[in-house]
Amino acid sequence: IPNFMTYQAKARQSEAKVGLGGIFTSATAYFAENSTFTVATASVIGYSPSGTPRYSFWYGGTTAANNRINVGSTSTATCHGTTAPTGVTASATAFTAGAIGNIDGESTTCDEWTIDDARILTNTTNDVSS
C-alpha cells in the first residue's frame, strides 16, 4: 500500500508540470507581443488553470499580492495561500514561475516546482519523498 500511495502522489505531480508548461507558453507569448516578461499582475499573461487544482500557481508580478494566479483548492493552508515558491520572479528578459501544493496529505511539507524562461522545470521541494 505505501508504494501505491507514492505512485498516486507522483501522478499528481503531473498537474504542476502541465500547469507550469501552460504558464511558460503564456509568458513567452506575452513576451513576443510586449518585449518584456514584467507584468503588473500575473493575470496579464492570460493563464488560468481549469478544474479543481491541487497546486497554487505563481508568476512574478510587481507586488507579492499580484503574483498568485490561483489558490489550489485542495492544498492545505500551509501550502497555498500567501507565499510563492522560492525564486518566483519576472524581469524584462527572464522569468521564473512556480507551483506549490501538498499532494500527499500526510505532512506539512509542500511540493514546490519552478519553471524558467529557458523551460527548465525543477522540483525544488519534493513532497512525495518527504
N, C-alpha and C. Protein backbone atom coordinates (compact mmCIF):
# COMPACT_ATOMS: atom_id res chain seq x y z
N ILE A 1 0.82 -1.20 0.00
CA ILE A 1 0.00 0.00 0.00
C ILE A 1 0.87 1.27 0.00
N PRO A 2 1.97 1.34 0.77
CA PRO A 2 2.78 2.57 0.73
C PRO A 2 3.31 2.87 -0.68
N ASN A 3 3.71 1.85 -1.41
CA ASN A 3 4.20 2.07 -2.77
C ASN A 3 3.10 2.63 -3.67
N PHE A 4 1.88 2.15 -3.50
CA PHE A 4 0.75 2.64 -4.29
C PHE A 4 0.47 4.10 -3.96
N MET A 5 0.54 4.46 -2.68
CA MET A 5 0.31 5.85 -2.27
C MET A 5 1.37 6.78 -2.87
N THR A 6 2.61 6.32 -2.90
CA THR A 6 3.69 7.10 -3.51
C THR A 6 3.45 7.25 -5.00
N TYR A 7 3.03 6.19 -5.65
CA TYR A 7 2.73 6.24 -7.08
C TYR A 7 1.63 7.26 -7.37
N GLN A 8 0.58 7.26 -6.55
CA GLN A 8 -0.51 8.23 -6.74
C GLN A 8 -0.02 9.66 -6.57
N ALA A 9 0.80 9.89 -5.55
CA ALA A 9 1.32 11.24 -5.31
C ALA A 9 2.19 11.70 -6.47
N LYS A 10 3.02 10.81 -7.00
CA LYS A 10 3.86 11.17 -8.15
C LYS A 10 3.00 11.48 -9.37
N ALA A 11 1.91 10.76 -9.53
CA ALA A 11 1.00 11.04 -10.65
C ALA A 11 0.37 12.42 -10.49
N ARG A 12 0.08 12.83 -9.26
CA ARG A 12 -0.50 14.16 -9.01
C ARG A 12 0.48 15.27 -9.37
N GLN A 13 1.78 14.99 -9.32
CA GLN A 13 2.76 15.99 -9.66
C GLN A 13 2.68 16.41 -11.13
N SER A 14 2.06 15.59 -11.96
CA SER A 14 1.92 15.96 -13.37
C SER A 14 1.09 17.23 -13.52
N GLU A 15 0.20 17.52 -12.57
CA GLU A 15 -0.58 18.76 -12.62
C GLU A 15 0.33 19.98 -12.58
N ALA A 16 1.35 19.93 -11.72
CA ALA A 16 2.29 21.05 -11.64
C ALA A 16 3.06 21.19 -12.95
N LYS A 17 3.50 20.08 -13.49
CA LYS A 17 4.28 20.10 -14.73
C LYS A 17 3.46 20.67 -15.89
N VAL A 18 2.24 20.23 -16.02
CA VAL A 18 1.36 20.70 -17.10
C VAL A 18 1.02 22.18 -16.90
N GLY A 19 0.68 22.55 -15.67
CA GLY A 19 0.33 23.94 -15.38
C GLY A 19 1.50 24.89 -15.64
N LEU A 20 2.68 24.50 -15.21
CA LEU A 20 3.84 25.36 -15.44
C LEU A 20 4.20 25.42 -16.93
N GLY A 21 3.94 24.35 -17.65
CA GLY A 21 4.11 24.39 -19.11
C GLY A 21 3.16 25.39 -19.75
N GLY A 22 1.94 25.46 -19.24
CA GLY A 22 0.97 26.45 -19.73
C GLY A 22 1.40 27.88 -19.41
N ILE A 23 1.96 28.07 -18.23
CA ILE A 23 2.46 29.40 -17.86
C ILE A 23 3.63 29.77 -18.76
N PHE A 24 4.52 28.82 -19.02
CA PHE A 24 5.66 29.08 -19.92
C PHE A 24 5.17 29.54 -21.29
N THR A 25 4.20 28.83 -21.85
CA THR A 25 3.67 29.19 -23.16
C THR A 25 3.02 30.57 -23.13
N SER A 26 2.23 30.84 -22.10
CA SER A 26 1.57 32.15 -21.98
C SER A 26 2.57 33.28 -21.80
N ALA A 27 3.59 33.04 -20.97
CA ALA A 27 4.59 34.08 -20.72
C ALA A 27 5.43 34.37 -21.95
N THR A 28 5.80 33.34 -22.70
CA THR A 28 6.61 33.57 -23.90
C THR A 28 5.78 34.25 -24.98
N ALA A 29 4.49 33.94 -25.06
CA ALA A 29 3.61 34.64 -26.00
C ALA A 29 3.47 36.11 -25.59
N TYR A 30 3.33 36.37 -24.30
CA TYR A 30 3.26 37.75 -23.80
C TYR A 30 4.54 38.49 -24.16
N PHE A 31 5.68 37.83 -23.96
CA PHE A 31 6.97 38.45 -24.29
C PHE A 31 7.07 38.77 -25.78
N ALA A 32 6.58 37.89 -26.63
CA ALA A 32 6.63 38.12 -28.08
C ALA A 32 5.83 39.36 -28.47
N GLU A 33 4.75 39.64 -27.77
CA GLU A 33 3.92 40.80 -28.07
C GLU A 33 4.39 42.09 -27.39
N ASN A 34 5.06 41.96 -26.22
CA ASN A 34 5.37 43.14 -25.41
C ASN A 34 6.86 43.37 -25.15
N SER A 35 7.71 42.47 -25.58
CA SER A 35 9.17 42.56 -25.40
C SER A 35 9.59 42.65 -23.93
N THR A 36 8.81 42.08 -23.04
CA THR A 36 9.14 42.03 -21.62
C THR A 36 8.37 40.90 -20.95
N PHE A 37 8.96 40.34 -19.89
CA PHE A 37 8.24 39.36 -19.07
C PHE A 37 7.61 40.05 -17.86
N THR A 38 7.93 41.31 -17.64
CA THR A 38 7.42 42.05 -16.49
C THR A 38 5.94 42.37 -16.68
N VAL A 39 5.16 42.10 -15.64
CA VAL A 39 3.72 42.40 -15.67
C VAL A 39 3.32 43.02 -14.34
N ALA A 40 2.24 43.77 -14.34
CA ALA A 40 1.73 44.35 -13.10
C ALA A 40 1.06 43.28 -12.24
N THR A 41 0.30 42.40 -12.89
CA THR A 41 -0.34 41.28 -12.19
C THR A 41 -0.17 40.02 -13.02
N ALA A 42 -0.14 38.88 -12.35
CA ALA A 42 0.07 37.61 -13.03
C ALA A 42 -1.03 37.30 -14.04
N SER A 43 -2.22 37.83 -13.82
CA SER A 43 -3.33 37.54 -14.72
C SER A 43 -3.11 38.10 -16.13
N VAL A 44 -2.22 39.06 -16.27
CA VAL A 44 -1.96 39.70 -17.56
C VAL A 44 -1.45 38.70 -18.61
N ILE A 45 -0.73 37.66 -18.17
CA ILE A 45 -0.19 36.71 -19.16
C ILE A 45 -1.28 35.81 -19.75
N GLY A 46 -2.44 35.79 -19.13
CA GLY A 46 -3.57 35.07 -19.71
C GLY A 46 -3.65 33.59 -19.39
N TYR A 47 -2.99 33.14 -18.33
CA TYR A 47 -3.06 31.73 -17.95
C TYR A 47 -3.95 31.57 -16.73
N SER A 48 -4.79 30.54 -16.76
CA SER A 48 -5.60 30.17 -15.62
C SER A 48 -5.84 28.67 -15.66
N PRO A 49 -5.53 27.95 -14.57
CA PRO A 49 -5.76 26.50 -14.58
C PRO A 49 -7.25 26.19 -14.58
N SER A 50 -7.61 25.06 -15.15
CA SER A 50 -9.01 24.66 -15.17
C SER A 50 -9.26 23.60 -14.11
N GLY A 51 -10.51 23.35 -13.86
CA GLY A 51 -10.88 22.31 -12.90
C GLY A 51 -10.63 22.73 -11.47
N THR A 52 -10.30 21.75 -10.64
CA THR A 52 -10.03 21.97 -9.23
C THR A 52 -8.56 21.64 -8.97
N PRO A 53 -7.68 22.61 -9.11
CA PRO A 53 -6.25 22.32 -9.00
C PRO A 53 -5.81 22.02 -7.57
N ARG A 54 -4.83 21.13 -7.46
CA ARG A 54 -4.22 20.82 -6.17
C ARG A 54 -3.10 21.82 -5.85
N TYR A 55 -2.61 22.47 -6.87
CA TYR A 55 -1.49 23.40 -6.73
C TYR A 55 -1.96 24.84 -6.88
N SER A 56 -1.24 25.74 -6.22
CA SER A 56 -1.37 27.16 -6.48
C SER A 56 -0.25 27.53 -7.43
N PHE A 57 -0.55 28.33 -8.45
CA PHE A 57 0.44 28.73 -9.44
C PHE A 57 0.77 30.20 -9.27
N TRP A 58 2.04 30.53 -9.47
CA TRP A 58 2.55 31.88 -9.23
C TRP A 58 3.39 32.34 -10.40
N TYR A 59 3.31 33.63 -10.71
CA TYR A 59 4.14 34.26 -11.73
C TYR A 59 4.58 35.61 -11.19
N GLY A 60 5.72 36.11 -11.59
CA GLY A 60 6.30 37.32 -10.99
C GLY A 60 5.65 38.62 -11.37
N GLY A 61 4.63 39.01 -10.67
CA GLY A 61 4.06 40.35 -10.82
C GLY A 61 4.92 41.36 -10.07
N THR A 62 4.56 42.62 -10.11
CA THR A 62 5.37 43.65 -9.47
C THR A 62 5.21 43.69 -7.96
N THR A 63 4.15 43.13 -7.40
CA THR A 63 3.99 43.04 -5.95
C THR A 63 3.58 41.62 -5.59
N ALA A 64 3.92 41.20 -4.38
CA ALA A 64 3.64 39.83 -3.96
C ALA A 64 2.15 39.47 -4.06
N ALA A 65 1.28 40.41 -3.73
CA ALA A 65 -0.16 40.14 -3.77
C ALA A 65 -0.64 39.86 -5.20
N ASN A 66 0.09 40.36 -6.18
CA ASN A 66 -0.32 40.17 -7.58
C ASN A 66 0.35 38.98 -8.26
N ASN A 67 1.20 38.26 -7.55
CA ASN A 67 1.93 37.14 -8.14
C ASN A 67 1.08 35.87 -8.28
N ARG A 68 0.12 35.67 -7.42
CA ARG A 68 -0.64 34.41 -7.42
C ARG A 68 -1.63 34.37 -8.57
N ILE A 69 -1.61 33.27 -9.29
CA ILE A 69 -2.56 33.08 -10.39
C ILE A 69 -3.85 32.48 -9.85
N ASN A 70 -3.74 31.55 -8.92
CA ASN A 70 -4.92 30.90 -8.34
C ASN A 70 -4.58 30.41 -6.94
N VAL A 71 -5.58 29.94 -6.23
CA VAL A 71 -5.38 29.27 -4.95
C VAL A 71 -5.77 27.82 -5.17
N GLY A 72 -4.82 26.91 -4.97
CA GLY A 72 -5.11 25.48 -5.10
C GLY A 72 -6.13 25.06 -4.07
N SER A 73 -7.29 24.66 -4.52
CA SER A 73 -8.40 24.43 -3.60
C SER A 73 -8.27 23.17 -2.78
N THR A 74 -7.38 22.25 -3.14
CA THR A 74 -7.22 21.06 -2.32
C THR A 74 -5.90 21.07 -1.57
N SER A 75 -5.16 22.17 -1.62
CA SER A 75 -3.92 22.30 -0.85
C SER A 75 -4.25 22.59 0.60
N THR A 76 -3.33 22.23 1.47
CA THR A 76 -3.51 22.61 2.87
C THR A 76 -3.14 24.08 3.02
N ALA A 77 -3.56 24.66 4.12
CA ALA A 77 -3.33 26.09 4.33
C ALA A 77 -1.85 26.46 4.29
N THR A 78 -0.98 25.57 4.71
CA THR A 78 0.45 25.89 4.70
C THR A 78 1.03 25.89 3.30
N CYS A 79 0.30 25.40 2.34
CA CYS A 79 0.88 25.24 1.00
C CYS A 79 0.18 26.03 -0.09
N HIS A 80 -0.66 26.99 0.24
CA HIS A 80 -1.32 27.64 -0.89
C HIS A 80 -1.58 29.13 -0.79
N GLY A 81 -1.85 29.68 0.30
CA GLY A 81 -2.44 31.00 0.29
C GLY A 81 -1.57 32.20 0.11
N THR A 82 -0.49 32.35 0.86
CA THR A 82 0.16 33.65 0.92
C THR A 82 1.60 33.69 0.46
N THR A 83 2.25 32.57 0.27
CA THR A 83 3.67 32.58 -0.04
C THR A 83 3.95 31.84 -1.34
N ALA A 84 4.63 32.50 -2.24
CA ALA A 84 5.03 31.88 -3.50
C ALA A 84 6.20 30.94 -3.27
N PRO A 85 6.38 29.97 -4.14
CA PRO A 85 7.59 29.15 -4.05
C PRO A 85 8.84 30.02 -4.18
N THR A 86 9.91 29.59 -3.61
CA THR A 86 11.17 30.32 -3.65
C THR A 86 11.62 30.54 -5.09
N GLY A 87 12.00 31.77 -5.39
CA GLY A 87 12.57 32.08 -6.69
C GLY A 87 11.62 32.60 -7.74
N VAL A 88 10.34 32.73 -7.43
CA VAL A 88 9.38 33.24 -8.42
C VAL A 88 9.65 34.71 -8.66
N THR A 89 9.90 35.06 -9.91
CA THR A 89 10.23 36.43 -10.27
C THR A 89 10.01 36.65 -11.76
N ALA A 90 9.97 37.90 -12.16
CA ALA A 90 9.92 38.24 -13.58
C ALA A 90 10.64 39.56 -13.78
N SER A 91 11.42 39.61 -14.85
CA SER A 91 12.10 40.86 -15.22
C SER A 91 11.84 41.09 -16.70
N ALA A 92 12.46 42.09 -17.26
CA ALA A 92 12.25 42.38 -18.67
C ALA A 92 12.73 41.24 -19.56
N THR A 93 13.76 40.51 -19.13
CA THR A 93 14.36 39.50 -20.00
C THR A 93 14.27 38.06 -19.50
N ALA A 94 13.72 37.83 -18.31
CA ALA A 94 13.68 36.48 -17.75
C ALA A 94 12.52 36.34 -16.77
N PHE A 95 12.12 35.10 -16.53
CA PHE A 95 11.11 34.84 -15.50
C PHE A 95 11.32 33.47 -14.89
N THR A 96 10.79 33.30 -13.70
CA THR A 96 10.67 32.00 -13.05
C THR A 96 9.28 31.96 -12.45
N ALA A 97 8.49 30.99 -12.87
CA ALA A 97 7.14 30.80 -12.33
C ALA A 97 7.17 29.59 -11.40
N GLY A 98 6.17 29.45 -10.54
CA GLY A 98 6.18 28.36 -9.58
C GLY A 98 4.82 27.78 -9.31
N ALA A 99 4.85 26.58 -8.73
CA ALA A 99 3.64 25.88 -8.29
C ALA A 99 3.93 25.31 -6.90
N ILE A 100 2.91 25.35 -6.04
CA ILE A 100 3.08 24.84 -4.68
C ILE A 100 1.80 24.15 -4.23
N GLY A 101 1.94 23.00 -3.58
CA GLY A 101 0.79 22.27 -3.09
C GLY A 101 1.21 21.13 -2.17
N ASN A 102 0.29 20.61 -1.39
CA ASN A 102 0.54 19.45 -0.54
C ASN A 102 -0.21 18.30 -1.18
N ILE A 103 0.51 17.45 -1.89
CA ILE A 103 -0.17 16.42 -2.68
C ILE A 103 -0.27 15.06 -2.01
N ASP A 104 0.51 14.82 -0.93
CA ASP A 104 0.39 13.53 -0.28
C ASP A 104 -0.52 13.57 0.94
N GLY A 105 -0.85 14.78 1.41
CA GLY A 105 -1.80 14.93 2.51
C GLY A 105 -1.31 14.40 3.84
N GLU A 106 -0.05 13.99 3.93
CA GLU A 106 0.45 13.39 5.17
C GLU A 106 1.32 14.31 6.00
N SER A 107 1.79 15.38 5.42
CA SER A 107 2.73 16.23 6.16
C SER A 107 2.46 17.70 5.87
N THR A 108 3.22 18.52 6.51
CA THR A 108 3.11 19.95 6.25
C THR A 108 4.12 20.38 5.20
N THR A 109 4.89 19.44 4.65
CA THR A 109 5.83 19.76 3.58
C THR A 109 5.07 20.04 2.30
N CYS A 110 5.46 21.11 1.64
CA CYS A 110 4.81 21.48 0.39
C CYS A 110 5.62 20.97 -0.79
N ASP A 111 4.94 20.53 -1.83
CA ASP A 111 5.57 20.14 -3.08
C ASP A 111 5.74 21.41 -3.90
N GLU A 112 6.97 21.77 -4.24
CA GLU A 112 7.23 23.02 -4.95
C GLU A 112 7.95 22.75 -6.26
N TRP A 113 7.49 23.41 -7.32
CA TRP A 113 8.06 23.31 -8.65
C TRP A 113 8.30 24.71 -9.20
N THR A 114 9.32 24.84 -10.05
CA THR A 114 9.53 26.09 -10.78
C THR A 114 9.83 25.77 -12.24
N ILE A 115 9.55 26.75 -13.09
CA ILE A 115 9.94 26.70 -14.49
C ILE A 115 10.45 28.09 -14.86
N ASP A 116 11.47 28.14 -15.69
CA ASP A 116 12.00 29.45 -16.06
C ASP A 116 11.87 29.69 -17.56
N ASP A 117 12.37 30.85 -18.00
CA ASP A 117 12.23 31.24 -19.40
C ASP A 117 13.01 30.33 -20.36
N ALA A 118 13.92 29.52 -19.85
CA ALA A 118 14.63 28.53 -20.67
C ALA A 118 13.92 27.17 -20.64
N ARG A 119 12.75 27.13 -20.06
CA ARG A 119 11.90 25.95 -19.89
C ARG A 119 12.57 24.87 -19.04
N ILE A 120 13.34 25.29 -18.05
CA ILE A 120 13.94 24.36 -17.11
C ILE A 120 12.96 24.15 -15.97
N LEU A 121 12.47 22.92 -15.85
CA LEU A 121 11.48 22.54 -14.85
C LEU A 121 12.23 21.89 -13.69
N THR A 122 12.00 22.39 -12.46
CA THR A 122 12.71 21.90 -11.29
C THR A 122 11.75 21.62 -10.16
N ASN A 123 11.91 20.47 -9.52
CA ASN A 123 11.15 20.14 -8.32
C ASN A 123 12.00 20.56 -7.12
N THR A 124 11.80 21.81 -6.66
CA THR A 124 12.66 22.37 -5.64
C THR A 124 12.44 21.75 -4.26
N THR A 125 11.21 21.36 -3.94
CA THR A 125 10.90 20.63 -2.71
C THR A 125 9.94 19.51 -3.08
N ASN A 126 10.35 18.27 -2.82
CA ASN A 126 9.55 17.11 -3.23
C ASN A 126 8.74 16.59 -2.05
N ASP A 127 7.43 16.79 -2.07
CA ASP A 127 6.52 16.34 -1.02
C ASP A 127 6.37 14.82 -1.05
N VAL A 128 6.61 14.20 -2.17
CA VAL A 128 6.45 12.75 -2.27
C VAL A 128 7.51 12.03 -1.48
N SER A 129 8.72 12.54 -1.47
CA SER A 129 9.81 11.85 -0.77
C SER A 129 9.96 12.32 0.67
N SER A 130 9.12 13.24 1.12
CA SER A 130 9.26 13.78 2.48
C SER A 130 8.74 12.81 3.52
